[in-house]
Structures are given as structure tokens and as C-alpha cells.
Amino acid sequence: MILKYKIRQEAEKGAFSPFIVGAEEITLTSVTLEGIVEGDLVSLNIDISWLKPMCDLGELEIFLRKDTPNGPVLYWTLETCFAKANTRERYSLTGEDGMRNFYLTVRSSEEKAILTGYALEGSVSSPA
């Protein structure tokens, strides 16, 4: 595979005031990947730093969606932590013509996650 390009959208720790993630799903960021053609490899890297509230186990649901913030779910995971966590995930898929927008969204159904930083990196590679 030959890397065509990559793009990263992020809000680093300290760049904003940490906030509690609520029960409603929210969009953290997105990447737009141009020029994807049939057979390309699309890789999406997630990096989320978060804490739990004072007295309970923290829970954070993480989603990768395509097309729109409410579009089809490509990837989902439920993460837990006892004090603080740095969740890193990688999701890869075979590209399709016209594919371009990807969204990182989160929710915490019982408001048991405090977000401190996040990033979404997308890359496109073509077959050799």
C-alpha cells in the first residue's frame, strides 16, 4: 500500500475545559477524506483522553460514523475506567467511490465520563 495522504483533527489536553459527556450522543470532530476510489484502504485512528467522576466507574461509548453525524455506524465500542483513560482505537475499511466524511461521536448514558482531549486521524492508501 502507498499512503496517499492523512489528515488529523484534534483538541489536545489543556486546549479546552474538560466537560462531562452526557446521555445524548455528541459529535467531537470529523475528517473529510478527498479522492477515495474503489479499493483504497481507509484508516481511521481515534485517540480520546478522559476521566471518570469522583465516586464511580466511568463509561464512555465511542462511535465512528460515515456521511453525516447521524449516519451509519462504522465502529462502536464501550470503554470503562477506574480513574483516567486514554482510549486508542484503529478502524480500517476498503474505500468506495464517493466516500469522504467520517465523524467521531461519544455518549455516556449515565454521565460517567469527563472528556479532556480527543483526536481523529484519517488516512487513505492505494494498492501498490
Protein backbone atom coordinates (compact mmCIF):
# COMPACT_ATOMS: atom_id res chain seq x y z
CA MET A 1 0.00 0.00 0.00
CA ILE A 2 1.14 3.52 -0.79
CA LEU A 3 -0.01 6.32 1.52
CA LYS A 4 -1.84 8.99 -0.49
CA TYR A 5 -2.28 11.34 2.48
CA LYS A 6 -3.55 11.70 6.04
CA ILE A 7 -5.34 14.39 7.99
CA ARG A 8 -5.78 14.87 11.75
CA GLN A 9 -8.35 16.91 13.65
CA GLU A 10 -7.76 17.27 17.37
CA ALA A 11 -8.36 19.12 20.60
CA GLU A 12 -5.38 18.40 22.82
CA LYS A 13 -5.44 18.16 26.61
CA GLY A 14 -5.40 21.66 28.04
CA ALA A 15 -6.83 23.24 24.88
CA PHE A 16 -10.34 23.35 26.41
CA SER A 17 -12.06 22.95 29.76
CA PRO A 18 -12.85 19.28 30.45
CA PHE A 19 -16.56 18.54 30.24
CA ILE A 20 -18.96 15.79 31.25
CA VAL A 21 -20.22 13.71 28.34
CA GLY A 22 -23.98 13.31 28.60
CA ALA A 23 -26.53 10.68 27.62
CA GLU A 24 -27.12 12.30 24.22
CA GLU A 25 -24.57 11.44 21.55
CA ILE A 26 -22.38 14.43 20.61
CA THR A 27 -20.02 14.97 17.70
CA LEU A 28 -16.44 15.67 18.77
CA THR A 29 -14.83 16.13 15.37
CA SER A 30 -14.78 14.91 11.78
CA VAL A 31 -12.39 14.33 8.91
CA THR A 32 -13.07 14.76 5.22
CA LEU A 33 -11.03 12.46 3.04
CA GLU A 34 -10.98 13.51 -0.62
CA GLY A 35 -10.20 11.34 -3.62
CA ILE A 36 -11.10 7.93 -2.22
CA VAL A 37 -11.51 5.43 -5.04
CA GLU A 38 -12.72 1.85 -5.11
CA GLY A 39 -10.16 -0.42 -3.43
CA ASP A 40 -8.28 2.24 -1.43
CA LEU A 41 -7.55 1.47 2.21
CA VAL A 42 -9.14 4.00 4.57
CA SER A 43 -7.79 4.00 8.14
CA LEU A 44 -9.34 5.98 10.99
CA ASN A 45 -7.41 6.43 14.25
CA ILE A 46 -9.22 7.52 17.41
CA ASP A 47 -7.47 8.96 20.45
CA ILE A 48 -9.62 10.06 23.43
CA SER A 49 -8.39 11.13 26.87
CA TRP A 50 -10.98 11.06 29.63
CA LEU A 51 -11.61 10.76 33.36
CA LYS A 52 -14.37 9.34 35.49
CA PRO A 53 -16.48 11.24 38.02
CA MET A 54 -15.31 11.18 41.63
CA CYS A 55 -17.08 8.11 43.02
CA ASP A 56 -17.94 5.63 40.31
CA LEU A 57 -16.64 3.57 37.41
CA GLY A 58 -16.51 5.67 34.23
CA GLU A 59 -18.21 4.59 30.99
CA LEU A 60 -17.81 6.07 27.52
CA GLU A 61 -19.39 4.89 24.27
CA ILE A 62 -17.38 5.76 21.17
CA PHE A 63 -18.78 5.77 17.63
CA LEU A 64 -17.32 6.25 14.15
CA ARG A 65 -20.00 7.30 11.69
CA LYS A 66 -19.87 7.96 7.97
CA ASP A 67 -21.56 10.53 5.72
CA THR A 68 -23.23 12.63 8.49
CA PRO A 69 -23.02 12.94 12.30
CA ASN A 70 -26.12 10.71 12.46
CA GLY A 71 -25.03 8.46 9.59
CA PRO A 72 -24.39 4.73 9.64
CA VAL A 73 -22.17 3.45 12.45
CA LEU A 74 -18.90 2.00 11.14
CA TYR A 75 -17.44 1.21 14.56
CA TRP A 76 -18.65 1.19 18.17
CA THR A 77 -17.02 0.38 21.49
CA LEU A 78 -17.82 0.80 25.18
CA GLU A 79 -14.85 1.76 27.33
CA THR A 80 -14.63 1.82 31.14
CA CYS A 81 -12.07 3.27 33.53
CA PHE A 82 -11.35 3.43 37.28
CA ALA A 83 -9.57 6.80 37.35
CA LYS A 84 -8.48 8.05 33.92
CA ALA A 85 -8.04 6.55 30.48
CA ASN A 86 -6.52 7.18 27.10
CA THR A 87 -8.51 5.19 24.56
CA ARG A 88 -6.81 4.48 21.25
CA GLU A 89 -8.59 2.58 18.51
CA ARG A 90 -7.93 1.99 14.82
CA TYR A 91 -10.57 1.09 12.28
CA SER A 92 -9.80 0.27 8.63
CA LEU A 93 -12.10 -0.33 5.69
CA THR A 94 -11.94 -0.71 1.95
CA GLY A 95 -12.78 2.56 0.25
CA GLU A 96 -15.70 3.12 -2.09
CA ASP A 97 -16.12 5.83 -4.72
CA GLY A 98 -17.76 8.91 -3.21
CA MET A 99 -16.88 8.04 0.40
CA ARG A 100 -15.45 11.07 2.17
CA ASN A 101 -16.90 12.23 5.55
CA PHE A 102 -16.25 10.47 8.87
CA TYR A 103 -17.41 11.58 12.33
CA LEU A 104 -16.21 10.79 15.85
CA THR A 105 -19.09 10.87 18.34
CA VAL A 106 -19.44 9.89 22.01
CA ARG A 107 -22.01 9.48 24.75
CA SER A 108 -22.11 8.41 28.38
CA SER A 109 -25.60 7.16 29.21
CA GLU A 110 -25.15 7.80 32.95
CA GLU A 111 -22.86 10.83 32.52
CA LYS A 112 -19.86 8.93 33.88
CA ALA A 113 -17.14 10.35 31.62
CA ILE A 114 -15.26 13.65 31.63
CA LEU A 115 -13.54 14.41 28.33
CA THR A 116 -10.09 16.01 28.43
CA GLY A 117 -8.77 15.58 24.86
CA TYR A 118 -9.54 13.88 21.56
CA ALA A 119 -8.35 13.36 18.01
CA LEU A 120 -9.48 11.68 14.81
CA GLU A 121 -6.92 10.92 12.11
CA GLY A 122 -7.89 9.62 8.71
CA SER A 123 -5.56 8.26 6.04
CA VAL A 124 -6.03 6.97 2.53
CA SER A 125 -3.68 4.45 0.91
CA SER A 126 -3.82 2.96 -2.56
CA PRO A 127 -2.83 -0.57 -3.56
CA ALA A 128 0.78 -0.79 -4.78
